[in-house]
Amino acid sequence: MKDLLTLSEVSTFLKVPKSTIYKLARERRLPGHKVGKHWRFVREEIEAWVQNAGAGDAMVGAAAGNGNQDRFSLN
């Protein structure tokens, strides 16, 4: 069985507020699964998402031309 994480655990793992995790999951920008009213995340999917810099979502700051090359910017 795959290791499942709660929204709080993903928030701690990525070091971002729970509200950001909820927003990204709701917008399907972060891989997650809704079970009833609760979100669950497969650890391997979250780790792959981080390795791929959010599949393009994290490059918003750099793409805007502000010179910020931070690949984990979740703007």
N, C-alpha and C. Protein backbone atom coordinates (compact mmCIF):
# COMPACT_ATOMS: atom_id res chain seq x y z
N MET A 1 0.84 -1.18 0.00
CA MET A 1 0.00 0.00 0.00
C MET A 1 0.88 1.24 0.00
N LYS A 2 0.48 2.22 -0.75
CA LYS A 2 1.25 3.45 -0.84
C LYS A 2 1.07 4.28 0.42
N ASP A 3 2.10 5.05 0.75
CA ASP A 3 2.09 5.91 1.93
C ASP A 3 1.23 7.14 1.66
N LEU A 4 0.14 7.28 2.41
CA LEU A 4 -0.76 8.42 2.25
C LEU A 4 -0.44 9.50 3.28
N LEU A 5 -0.53 10.76 2.84
CA LEU A 5 -0.30 11.90 3.72
C LEU A 5 -1.58 12.72 3.82
N THR A 6 -1.76 13.36 4.98
CA THR A 6 -2.88 14.28 5.14
C THR A 6 -2.47 15.66 4.64
N LEU A 7 -3.43 16.56 4.54
CA LEU A 7 -3.14 17.92 4.12
C LEU A 7 -2.12 18.56 5.07
N SER A 8 -2.28 18.33 6.36
CA SER A 8 -1.34 18.89 7.35
C SER A 8 0.06 18.34 7.17
N GLU A 9 0.17 17.06 6.88
CA GLU A 9 1.49 16.45 6.67
C GLU A 9 2.16 16.99 5.42
N VAL A 10 1.39 17.20 4.35
CA VAL A 10 1.95 17.78 3.12
C VAL A 10 2.39 19.22 3.38
N SER A 11 1.59 19.94 4.15
CA SER A 11 1.93 21.32 4.51
C SER A 11 3.27 21.37 5.25
N THR A 12 3.45 20.48 6.19
CA THR A 12 4.71 20.41 6.93
C THR A 12 5.86 19.98 6.02
N PHE A 13 5.62 18.97 5.19
CA PHE A 13 6.64 18.45 4.28
C PHE A 13 7.12 19.53 3.32
N LEU A 14 6.20 20.31 2.74
CA LEU A 14 6.57 21.34 1.77
C LEU A 14 6.88 22.69 2.43
N LYS A 15 6.59 22.80 3.72
CA LYS A 15 6.85 24.03 4.48
C LYS A 15 6.10 25.22 3.89
N VAL A 16 4.82 24.98 3.60
CA VAL A 16 3.92 26.04 3.14
C VAL A 16 2.62 25.94 3.93
N PRO A 17 1.85 27.03 4.00
CA PRO A 17 0.61 27.01 4.78
C PRO A 17 -0.41 25.99 4.24
N LYS A 18 -1.25 25.51 5.13
CA LYS A 18 -2.30 24.57 4.74
C LYS A 18 -3.20 25.17 3.67
N SER A 19 -3.46 26.46 3.77
CA SER A 19 -4.34 27.12 2.79
C SER A 19 -3.75 27.02 1.38
N THR A 20 -2.43 27.07 1.26
CA THR A 20 -1.78 26.95 -0.05
C THR A 20 -1.93 25.54 -0.59
N ILE A 21 -1.75 24.54 0.27
CA ILE A 21 -1.91 23.15 -0.15
C ILE A 21 -3.35 22.91 -0.60
N TYR A 22 -4.31 23.40 0.16
CA TYR A 22 -5.71 23.23 -0.20
C TYR A 22 -6.01 23.88 -1.55
N LYS A 23 -5.52 25.08 -1.75
CA LYS A 23 -5.76 25.80 -3.01
C LYS A 23 -5.15 25.06 -4.19
N LEU A 24 -3.90 24.63 -4.06
CA LEU A 24 -3.23 23.92 -5.16
C LEU A 24 -3.91 22.59 -5.47
N ALA A 25 -4.34 21.88 -4.42
CA ALA A 25 -5.03 20.60 -4.63
C ALA A 25 -6.38 20.82 -5.29
N ARG A 26 -7.12 21.81 -4.82
CA ARG A 26 -8.44 22.11 -5.37
C ARG A 26 -8.35 22.50 -6.85
N GLU A 27 -7.30 23.23 -7.20
CA GLU A 27 -7.08 23.65 -8.59
C GLU A 27 -6.41 22.56 -9.43
N ARG A 28 -6.16 21.41 -8.82
CA ARG A 28 -5.49 20.27 -9.47
C ARG A 28 -4.08 20.59 -9.95
N ARG A 29 -3.43 21.51 -9.25
CA ARG A 29 -2.04 21.85 -9.55
C ARG A 29 -1.09 21.02 -8.70
N LEU A 30 -1.64 20.37 -7.67
CA LEU A 30 -0.89 19.50 -6.77
C LEU A 30 -1.62 18.16 -6.77
N PRO A 31 -0.90 17.04 -6.98
CA PRO A 31 -1.59 15.75 -7.04
C PRO A 31 -2.18 15.35 -5.69
N GLY A 32 -3.48 15.16 -5.67
CA GLY A 32 -4.14 14.77 -4.44
C GLY A 32 -5.46 14.08 -4.75
N HIS A 33 -6.04 13.48 -3.73
CA HIS A 33 -7.28 12.73 -3.88
C HIS A 33 -8.22 13.14 -2.76
N LYS A 34 -9.43 13.50 -3.11
CA LYS A 34 -10.40 13.88 -2.10
C LYS A 34 -11.20 12.64 -1.71
N VAL A 35 -11.23 12.37 -0.41
CA VAL A 35 -11.98 11.24 0.13
C VAL A 35 -13.04 11.86 1.04
N GLY A 36 -14.26 11.89 0.55
CA GLY A 36 -15.31 12.61 1.28
C GLY A 36 -14.97 14.08 1.27
N LYS A 37 -14.80 14.66 2.44
CA LYS A 37 -14.40 16.06 2.51
C LYS A 37 -12.93 16.23 2.91
N HIS A 38 -12.20 15.14 2.93
CA HIS A 38 -10.80 15.16 3.33
C HIS A 38 -9.88 14.92 2.14
N TRP A 39 -8.73 15.59 2.14
CA TRP A 39 -7.72 15.40 1.09
C TRP A 39 -6.69 14.40 1.57
N ARG A 40 -6.25 13.54 0.66
CA ARG A 40 -5.15 12.61 0.92
C ARG A 40 -4.19 12.70 -0.26
N PHE A 41 -2.92 12.53 0.05
CA PHE A 41 -1.86 12.69 -0.94
C PHE A 41 -0.93 11.49 -0.87
N VAL A 42 -0.56 10.95 -2.02
CA VAL A 42 0.39 9.84 -2.08
C VAL A 42 1.80 10.43 -2.01
N ARG A 43 2.57 9.99 -1.03
CA ARG A 43 3.91 10.55 -0.81
C ARG A 43 4.75 10.56 -2.08
N GLU A 44 4.74 9.45 -2.83
CA GLU A 44 5.55 9.37 -4.05
C GLU A 44 5.12 10.41 -5.09
N GLU A 45 3.81 10.68 -5.18
CA GLU A 45 3.32 11.68 -6.13
C GLU A 45 3.76 13.08 -5.72
N ILE A 46 3.74 13.36 -4.44
CA ILE A 46 4.18 14.68 -3.94
C ILE A 46 5.68 14.85 -4.17
N GLU A 47 6.46 13.81 -3.88
CA GLU A 47 7.90 13.89 -4.11
C GLU A 47 8.22 14.08 -5.59
N ALA A 48 7.48 13.39 -6.48
CA ALA A 48 7.70 13.56 -7.92
C ALA A 48 7.30 14.97 -8.34
N TRP A 49 6.23 15.52 -7.76
CA TRP A 49 5.78 16.88 -8.06
C TRP A 49 6.87 17.89 -7.68
N VAL A 50 7.49 17.68 -6.53
CA VAL A 50 8.57 18.57 -6.10
C VAL A 50 9.76 18.45 -7.05
N GLN A 51 10.12 17.24 -7.43
CA GLN A 51 11.25 17.03 -8.35
C GLN A 51 11.01 17.70 -9.70
N ASN A 52 9.75 17.75 -10.13
CA ASN A 52 9.40 18.36 -11.41
C ASN A 52 9.00 19.82 -11.25
N ALA A 53 9.30 20.39 -10.10
CA ALA A 53 8.99 21.79 -9.81
C ALA A 53 7.52 22.09 -10.04
N GLY A 54 6.65 21.19 -9.63
CA GLY A 54 5.22 21.43 -9.74
C GLY A 54 4.70 21.38 -11.16
N ALA A 55 5.39 20.70 -12.04
CA ALA A 55 4.97 20.55 -13.44
C ALA A 55 4.70 21.90 -14.08
N GLY A 56 5.58 22.86 -13.80
CA GLY A 56 5.46 24.16 -14.43
C GLY A 56 4.84 25.22 -13.53
N ASP A 57 4.04 24.82 -12.54
CA ASP A 57 3.40 25.78 -11.66
C ASP A 57 4.40 26.61 -10.88
N ALA A 58 5.52 26.02 -10.49
CA ALA A 58 6.47 26.70 -9.63
C ALA A 58 7.31 27.72 -10.38
N MET A 59 7.25 27.73 -11.70
CA MET A 59 8.07 28.66 -12.46
C MET A 59 7.34 29.97 -12.76
N VAL A 60 6.22 30.21 -12.11
CA VAL A 60 5.43 31.41 -12.36
C VAL A 60 6.26 32.67 -12.16
N GLY A 61 7.02 32.74 -11.06
CA GLY A 61 7.83 33.92 -10.79
C GLY A 61 8.89 34.15 -11.86
N ALA A 62 9.56 33.11 -12.30
CA ALA A 62 10.60 33.24 -13.32
C ALA A 62 9.98 33.57 -14.68
N ALA A 63 8.84 32.98 -14.97
CA ALA A 63 8.19 33.23 -16.25
C ALA A 63 7.68 34.66 -16.34
N ALA A 64 7.41 35.28 -15.21
CA ALA A 64 6.90 36.65 -15.20
C ALA A 64 8.01 37.65 -15.49
N GLY A 65 9.23 37.19 -15.55
CA GLY A 65 10.34 38.06 -15.91
C GLY A 65 10.89 38.88 -14.75
N ASN A 66 10.62 38.46 -13.53
CA ASN A 66 11.15 39.21 -12.40
C ASN A 66 12.55 38.77 -12.00
N GLY A 67 13.12 37.84 -12.77
CA GLY A 67 14.49 37.40 -12.50
C GLY A 67 14.61 36.40 -11.37
N ASN A 68 13.52 36.08 -10.72
CA ASN A 68 13.53 35.12 -9.62
C ASN A 68 13.60 33.71 -10.18
N GLN A 69 14.66 33.00 -9.91
CA GLN A 69 14.83 31.64 -10.42
C GLN A 69 14.48 30.60 -9.38
N ASP A 70 13.75 30.98 -8.33
CA ASP A 70 13.37 30.05 -7.27
C ASP A 70 12.36 29.05 -7.81
N ARG A 71 12.76 27.81 -8.01
CA ARG A 71 11.88 26.83 -8.64
C ARG A 71 10.76 26.36 -7.74
N PHE A 72 10.75 26.75 -6.47
CA PHE A 72 9.69 26.33 -5.57
C PHE A 72 8.76 27.47 -5.21
N SER A 73 8.76 28.53 -5.96
CA SER A 73 7.83 29.63 -5.76
C SER A 73 6.44 29.16 -6.14
N LEU A 74 5.49 29.24 -5.22
CA LEU A 74 4.15 28.77 -5.48
C LEU A 74 3.18 29.92 -5.70
N ASN A 75 3.64 30.98 -6.31
CA ASN A 75 2.77 32.14 -6.56
C ASN A 75 1.70 31.82 -7.57
